[in-house]
């Protein structure tokens, strides 16, 4: 708009599973002062893990991993500086936002404390491209290594995002191994690392998350239900692979993921699928099958229901005009 340096995005989602049946996803403006410095402001995804920042339009499987659903930071209102440095070998994102919403239906109950997040990506070799799959069919290896860190202080806020935790045996009473709680009254930190590789139709990727929730208030709901004094640690991650058996037409894909707690509570996710590219990503038929002995999260978009053992078959046709 007005100048090539100013870009914008507005995205609205219609979803029968949400309370309001529709919600504003993104609304932001981004101004490029230079390749090394862009400034974004509005509502958008703050810096976080790689898979959450890859558009679903460009994903390899029908939806993102269970670990991503548990550890993504959602969308927030705020500012973000980002750009590429050292001859585009290093990309950075630095965000300042109004908390992390993480799967809330809308951004509400304005926080009294800021949240901070940052992401760095070292482009070891080659250009990775925008897609998860190696649709571009790299003739030479392309490899990225990324890390992210986030911190949110929810002490004194009206409400916070719901974070998962392992339910202690003492209070389980027939409940599943994982539950979720409003994080209000806590401080929490998140670290993540990811690795991605592409070559001649092959894609390999791995992502790891660690979240620490700190709460020393003996009267807080978090401490009473987790039975943890001080800090609570939970881990997650996934390995994902895909290969074009027919270049730019037929791709096979698989993923294995897990979420585990410091007490030994854990669950896994297994997914296998295929994509048939009728016309690039603009017209694509996808099929995948996912099994988990116990879902650690609930997600209307990905189809997970917390506590359920599931075998889920998804078929998707993707149509996009440009």
Protein backbone atom coordinates (compact mmCIF):
# COMPACT_ATOMS: atom_id res chain seq x y z
CA UNK A 1 0.00 0.00 0.00
CA UNK A 2 1.29 3.45 -1.07
CA UNK A 3 4.90 2.22 -1.27
CA UNK A 4 6.54 -1.21 -1.77
CA UNK A 5 8.06 -0.80 1.70
CA UNK A 6 4.64 -0.96 3.41
CA UNK A 7 2.83 -4.30 3.38
CA UNK A 8 -0.19 -5.48 5.35
CA UNK A 9 -2.25 -8.57 6.13
CA UNK A 10 -5.87 -9.02 7.25
CA UNK A 11 -7.14 -12.56 7.86
CA UNK A 12 -10.57 -13.53 9.18
CA UNK A 13 -11.49 -17.12 10.08
CA UNK A 14 -14.96 -18.69 10.02
CA UNK A 15 -15.09 -21.76 12.28
CA UNK A 16 -18.18 -23.46 13.66
CA UNK A 17 -16.17 -24.84 16.60
CA UNK A 18 -15.48 -21.42 18.11
CA UNK A 19 -17.86 -19.72 20.49
CA UNK A 20 -18.38 -16.73 18.20
CA UNK A 21 -18.21 -18.85 14.99
CA UNK A 22 -15.70 -16.40 13.54
CA UNK A 23 -12.64 -14.50 14.68
CA UNK A 24 -10.04 -12.05 13.50
CA UNK A 25 -6.76 -13.90 13.05
CA UNK A 26 -4.28 -11.33 11.80
CA UNK A 27 -4.35 -7.61 11.21
CA UNK A 28 -0.96 -5.96 10.91
CA UNK A 29 1.22 -3.55 8.96
CA UNK A 30 4.89 -4.12 8.20
CA UNK A 31 7.31 -1.41 7.11
CA UNK A 32 10.71 -2.27 5.59
CA UNK A 33 13.25 0.39 6.51
CA UNK A 34 15.96 -1.90 5.08
CA UNK A 35 16.52 -5.63 4.46
CA UNK A 36 18.11 -5.74 7.90
CA UNK A 37 15.26 -3.96 9.70
CA UNK A 38 11.49 -4.31 9.29
CA UNK A 39 9.00 -3.13 11.90
CA UNK A 40 5.61 -4.88 12.27
CA UNK A 41 2.72 -3.74 14.45
CA UNK A 42 -0.79 -5.06 15.02
CA UNK A 43 -2.11 -8.53 15.85
CA UNK A 44 0.02 -11.42 14.58
CA UNK A 45 2.03 -14.47 15.64
CA UNK A 46 4.97 -13.44 17.85
CA UNK A 47 8.38 -15.07 17.31
CA UNK A 48 8.15 -18.78 18.17
CA UNK A 49 8.73 -22.27 16.73
CA UNK A 50 9.16 -22.86 13.00
CA UNK A 51 6.17 -25.08 12.28
CA UNK A 52 3.71 -22.60 13.76
CA UNK A 53 5.12 -19.88 11.52
CA UNK A 54 4.79 -21.92 8.33
CA UNK A 55 1.39 -21.16 6.82
CA UNK A 56 -1.04 -24.09 6.78
CA UNK A 57 -1.24 -23.45 3.04
CA UNK A 58 2.43 -24.48 2.83
CA UNK A 59 2.37 -27.38 5.32
CA UNK A 60 3.35 -30.94 4.44
CA UNK A 61 0.61 -32.72 6.40
CA UNK A 62 -3.02 -31.68 6.83
CA UNK A 63 -2.26 -29.95 10.13
CA UNK A 64 0.57 -29.21 12.53
CA UNK A 65 1.88 -31.58 15.19
CA UNK A 66 0.37 -32.20 18.63
CA UNK A 67 3.54 -30.75 20.20
CA UNK A 68 3.08 -27.58 18.18
CA UNK A 69 -0.53 -27.31 19.38
CA UNK A 70 0.69 -27.59 22.98
CA UNK A 71 3.60 -25.15 22.76
CA UNK A 72 2.67 -22.55 20.15
CA UNK A 73 2.32 -19.01 21.48
CA UNK A 74 -0.77 -18.13 19.44
CA UNK A 75 -1.34 -14.55 18.37
CA UNK A 76 -0.88 -11.31 20.29
CA UNK A 77 -1.11 -7.56 19.89
CA UNK A 78 2.32 -5.97 19.77
CA UNK A 79 5.43 -4.95 17.87
CA UNK A 80 8.10 -7.00 16.15
CA UNK A 81 11.45 -6.04 14.62
CA UNK A 82 12.77 -8.52 12.06
CA UNK A 83 15.16 -8.81 9.16
CA UNK A 84 18.13 -10.60 7.56
CA UNK A 85 21.78 -9.96 8.36
CA UNK A 86 25.26 -11.06 7.26
CA UNK A 87 24.38 -11.49 3.60
CA UNK A 88 21.07 -13.19 4.54
CA UNK A 89 22.83 -15.90 6.54
CA UNK A 90 21.07 -14.93 9.78
CA UNK A 91 17.39 -14.04 10.21
CA UNK A 92 16.07 -12.53 13.42
CA UNK A 93 12.73 -11.67 15.03
CA UNK A 94 12.35 -9.71 18.28
CA UNK A 95 8.84 -9.24 19.67
CA UNK A 96 7.17 -7.21 22.41
CA UNK A 97 3.51 -8.09 22.92
CA UNK A 98 0.50 -8.11 25.21
CA UNK A 99 0.93 -11.62 26.55
CA UNK A 100 0.61 -14.91 24.66
CA UNK A 101 -2.95 -15.97 23.90
CA UNK A 102 -2.31 -19.58 22.73
CA UNK A 103 -5.55 -20.92 21.22
CA UNK A 104 -7.87 -18.33 22.73
CA UNK A 105 -10.92 -17.44 20.62
CA UNK A 106 -10.02 -13.76 20.69
CA UNK A 107 -7.57 -11.31 22.25
CA UNK A 108 -9.26 -9.92 25.36
CA UNK A 109 -8.66 -8.90 28.99
CA UNK A 110 -5.70 -6.64 28.28
CA UNK A 111 -2.63 -7.72 30.25
CA UNK A 112 -0.81 -5.41 32.63
CA UNK A 113 2.57 -6.99 31.80
CA UNK A 114 4.41 -7.34 28.52
CA UNK A 115 5.58 -10.62 27.01
CA UNK A 116 8.91 -10.95 25.21
CA UNK A 117 9.95 -13.38 22.50
CA UNK A 118 12.76 -13.76 20.00
CA UNK A 119 13.76 -16.15 17.22
CA UNK A 120 17.06 -16.60 15.38
CA UNK A 121 17.61 -18.73 12.27
CA UNK A 122 21.01 -19.57 10.83
CA UNK A 123 20.77 -20.43 7.15
CA UNK A 124 23.64 -22.91 7.11
CA UNK A 125 23.48 -23.58 3.39
CA UNK A 126 21.10 -22.81 0.55
CA UNK A 127 17.69 -21.12 0.54
CA UNK A 128 15.13 -23.17 2.48
CA UNK A 129 12.11 -21.60 0.79
CA UNK A 130 8.64 -21.03 2.25
CA UNK A 131 7.23 -24.56 2.10
CA UNK A 132 7.71 -27.46 4.51
CA UNK A 133 7.93 -29.86 1.57
CA UNK A 134 10.80 -29.69 -0.90
CA UNK A 135 8.42 -28.77 -3.70
CA UNK A 136 11.12 -26.48 -5.13
CA UNK A 137 13.26 -29.64 -5.59
CA UNK A 138 16.61 -28.32 -4.34
CA UNK A 139 19.52 -29.55 -6.46
CA UNK A 140 21.91 -28.57 -3.66
CA UNK A 141 21.42 -29.10 0.10
CA UNK A 142 19.49 -26.45 2.02
CA UNK A 143 19.70 -26.48 5.81
CA UNK A 144 18.44 -24.16 8.57
CA UNK A 145 18.99 -24.21 12.33
CA UNK A 146 16.67 -22.11 14.50
CA UNK A 147 16.15 -21.27 18.16
CA UNK A 148 13.50 -19.29 20.00
CA UNK A 149 12.98 -17.98 23.51
CA UNK A 150 9.90 -16.46 25.13
CA UNK A 151 8.97 -15.06 28.54
CA UNK A 152 5.61 -13.99 29.93
CA UNK A 153 4.78 -12.57 33.36
CA UNK A 154 1.12 -13.33 34.13
CA UNK A 155 1.28 -12.14 37.73
CA UNK A 156 -1.51 -9.63 38.31
CA UNK A 157 -3.09 -10.10 34.87
CA UNK A 158 -6.83 -10.54 34.42
CA UNK A 159 -6.42 -13.77 32.48
CA UNK A 160 -3.76 -15.82 30.79
CA UNK A 161 -3.44 -18.57 28.18
CA UNK A 162 -4.24 -22.16 29.13
CA UNK A 163 -1.07 -24.23 29.49
CA UNK A 164 -0.88 -28.02 29.71
CA UNK A 165 0.48 -29.91 32.72
CA UNK A 166 0.78 -33.52 33.87
CA UNK A 167 -2.02 -34.40 36.30
CA UNK A 168 -0.50 -35.79 39.56
CA UNK A 169 -1.45 -39.35 40.51
CA UNK A 170 -2.75 -38.12 43.87
CA UNK A 171 -5.60 -36.16 42.28
CA UNK A 172 -6.10 -38.03 39.03
CA UNK A 173 -9.19 -40.04 40.09
CA UNK A 174 -9.89 -41.41 36.65
CA UNK A 175 -8.72 -38.32 34.76
CA UNK A 176 -6.32 -38.49 31.84
CA UNK A 177 -2.60 -37.92 32.22
CA UNK A 178 -2.65 -34.29 31.06
CA UNK A 179 -4.81 -31.30 31.88
CA UNK A 180 -4.77 -27.58 31.13
CA UNK A 181 -4.95 -24.55 33.41
CA UNK A 182 -5.15 -20.79 33.08
CA UNK A 183 -1.61 -19.49 33.62
CA UNK A 184 -2.73 -16.37 35.52
CA UNK A 185 -0.50 -15.69 38.51
CA UNK A 186 2.57 -17.41 37.08
CA UNK A 187 5.75 -16.60 35.20
CA UNK A 188 6.61 -18.90 32.34
CA UNK A 189 9.56 -19.35 30.03
CA UNK A 190 9.84 -21.26 26.78
CA UNK A 191 12.86 -22.43 24.81
CA UNK A 192 12.76 -24.14 21.44
CA UNK A 193 15.15 -25.40 18.78
CA UNK A 194 14.56 -26.70 15.25
CA UNK A 195 16.49 -28.17 12.35
CA UNK A 196 15.35 -28.43 8.72
CA UNK A 197 16.93 -29.96 5.63
CA UNK A 198 15.96 -30.24 1.94
CA UNK A 199 17.53 -31.98 -1.06
CA UNK A 200 16.03 -33.27 -4.33
CA UNK A 201 12.50 -33.77 -3.07
CA UNK A 202 13.53 -34.92 0.42
CA UNK A 203 12.52 -32.96 3.52
CA UNK A 204 13.72 -33.73 7.06
CA UNK A 205 12.79 -31.67 10.09
CA UNK A 206 12.93 -31.79 13.88
CA UNK A 207 11.64 -29.46 16.57
CA UNK A 208 12.00 -29.44 20.39
CA UNK A 209 10.23 -27.40 23.08
CA UNK A 210 10.81 -26.84 26.80
CA UNK A 211 8.41 -24.80 28.92
CA UNK A 212 8.98 -23.88 32.57
CA UNK A 213 6.14 -22.44 34.65
CA UNK A 214 7.24 -20.76 37.88
CA UNK A 215 4.75 -20.21 40.71
CA UNK A 216 5.49 -19.84 44.44
CA UNK A 217 2.03 -18.64 45.45
CA UNK A 218 0.63 -21.39 47.69
CA UNK A 219 -2.96 -20.26 47.09
CA UNK A 220 -2.77 -20.28 43.29
CA UNK A 221 -4.83 -22.70 41.25
CA UNK A 222 -1.71 -23.74 39.30
CA UNK A 223 0.15 -24.80 42.43
CA UNK A 224 -2.88 -26.52 44.00
CA UNK A 225 -3.60 -28.66 40.92
CA UNK A 226 -0.05 -29.43 39.78
CA UNK A 227 1.16 -30.04 43.36
CA UNK A 228 4.45 -28.41 42.33
CA UNK A 229 6.27 -25.89 44.46
CA UNK A 230 8.50 -23.57 42.52
CA UNK A 231 8.65 -24.67 38.89
CA UNK A 232 6.96 -27.12 36.54
CA UNK A 233 8.77 -28.39 33.43
CA UNK A 234 7.21 -29.95 30.36
CA UNK A 235 8.85 -31.01 27.08
CA UNK A 236 7.65 -31.73 23.56
CA UNK A 237 8.84 -32.23 20.03
CA UNK A 238 8.45 -33.97 16.70
CA UNK A 239 10.41 -35.50 13.83
CA UNK A 240 8.97 -35.12 10.33
CA UNK A 241 9.99 -36.37 6.89
CA UNK A 242 8.65 -36.22 3.36
CA UNK A 243 9.78 -37.38 -0.07
CA UNK A 244 8.49 -36.81 -3.61
CA UNK A 245 8.27 -40.24 -5.25
CA UNK A 246 7.12 -38.34 -8.35
CA UNK A 247 8.82 -34.91 -8.36
CA UNK A 248 6.34 -32.04 -7.79
CA UNK A 249 3.39 -34.44 -8.04
CA UNK A 250 3.22 -37.24 -5.44
CA UNK A 251 4.71 -36.89 -1.96
CA UNK A 252 4.76 -39.33 0.95
CA UNK A 253 5.11 -37.91 4.48
CA UNK A 254 5.38 -39.11 8.09
CA UNK A 255 5.70 -37.62 11.55
CA UNK A 256 6.31 -38.88 15.07
CA UNK A 257 5.92 -36.60 18.06
CA UNK A 258 5.79 -36.68 21.84
CA UNK A 259 5.01 -34.62 24.92
CA UNK A 260 6.54 -35.56 28.27
CA UNK A 261 6.78 -34.22 31.81
CA UNK A 262 9.60 -34.33 34.35
CA UNK A 263 7.62 -36.89 36.39
CA UNK A 264 7.68 -39.40 33.50
CA UNK A 265 4.13 -38.78 32.23
CA UNK A 266 4.20 -38.90 28.42
CA UNK A 267 2.19 -39.38 25.26
CA UNK A 268 3.03 -39.82 21.57
CA UNK A 269 1.66 -39.00 18.13
CA UNK A 270 2.11 -41.00 14.91
CA UNK A 271 1.10 -39.60 11.52
CA UNK A 272 1.50 -40.85 7.96
CA UNK A 273 0.15 -39.26 4.82
CA UNK A 274 0.46 -38.30 1.17
CA UNK A 275 -0.04 -35.26 -1.05
CA UNK A 276 -0.98 -35.14 -4.72
CA UNK A 277 -0.14 -31.79 -6.30
CA UNK A 278 -2.62 -31.26 -9.10
CA UNK A 279 -1.38 -27.71 -9.70
CA UNK A 280 1.40 -26.67 -7.32
CA UNK A 281 0.19 -25.81 -3.79
CA UNK A 282 -2.74 -24.00 -5.36
CA UNK A 283 -4.62 -27.22 -6.06
CA UNK A 284 -3.52 -30.03 -3.76
CA UNK A 285 -5.19 -33.19 -2.46
CA UNK A 286 -3.95 -34.39 0.95
CA UNK A 287 -4.64 -37.46 3.07
CA UNK A 288 -3.21 -38.34 6.46
CA UNK A 289 -3.86 -40.72 9.37
CA UNK A 290 -2.92 -39.81 12.95
CA UNK A 291 -2.94 -42.02 16.03
CA UNK A 292 -2.28 -41.02 19.64
CA UNK A 293 -2.88 -43.19 22.72
CA UNK A 294 -3.76 -40.00 24.63
CA UNK A 295 -4.04 -36.46 23.34
CA UNK A 296 -2.30 -33.98 25.63
CA UNK A 297 -4.17 -31.02 24.13
CA UNK A 298 -7.51 -29.92 22.76
CA UNK A 299 -7.46 -28.14 19.40
CA UNK A 300 -10.51 -27.53 17.24
CA UNK A 301 -8.34 -26.68 14.23
CA UNK A 302 -6.18 -29.83 14.41
CA UNK A 303 -8.95 -32.11 15.67
CA UNK A 304 -7.36 -33.10 19.00
CA UNK A 305 -9.51 -33.67 22.12
CA UNK A 306 -7.58 -33.68 25.39
CA UNK A 307 -7.45 -37.07 27.11
CA UNK A 308 -8.82 -39.08 24.17
CA UNK A 309 -7.20 -42.02 22.46
CA UNK A 310 -7.68 -41.25 18.78
CA UNK A 311 -7.18 -42.59 15.32
CA UNK A 312 -8.04 -39.72 13.00
CA UNK A 313 -8.31 -39.81 9.19
CA UNK A 314 -8.28 -36.48 7.38
CA UNK A 315 -8.79 -35.70 3.70
CA UNK A 316 -8.26 -32.18 2.43
CA UNK A 317 -8.53 -30.42 -0.90
CA UNK A 318 -6.72 -27.11 -1.02
CA UNK A 319 -7.70 -24.47 -3.55
CA UNK A 320 -6.01 -21.10 -3.76
CA UNK A 321 -6.14 -18.43 -6.45
CA UNK A 322 -3.34 -16.04 -7.22
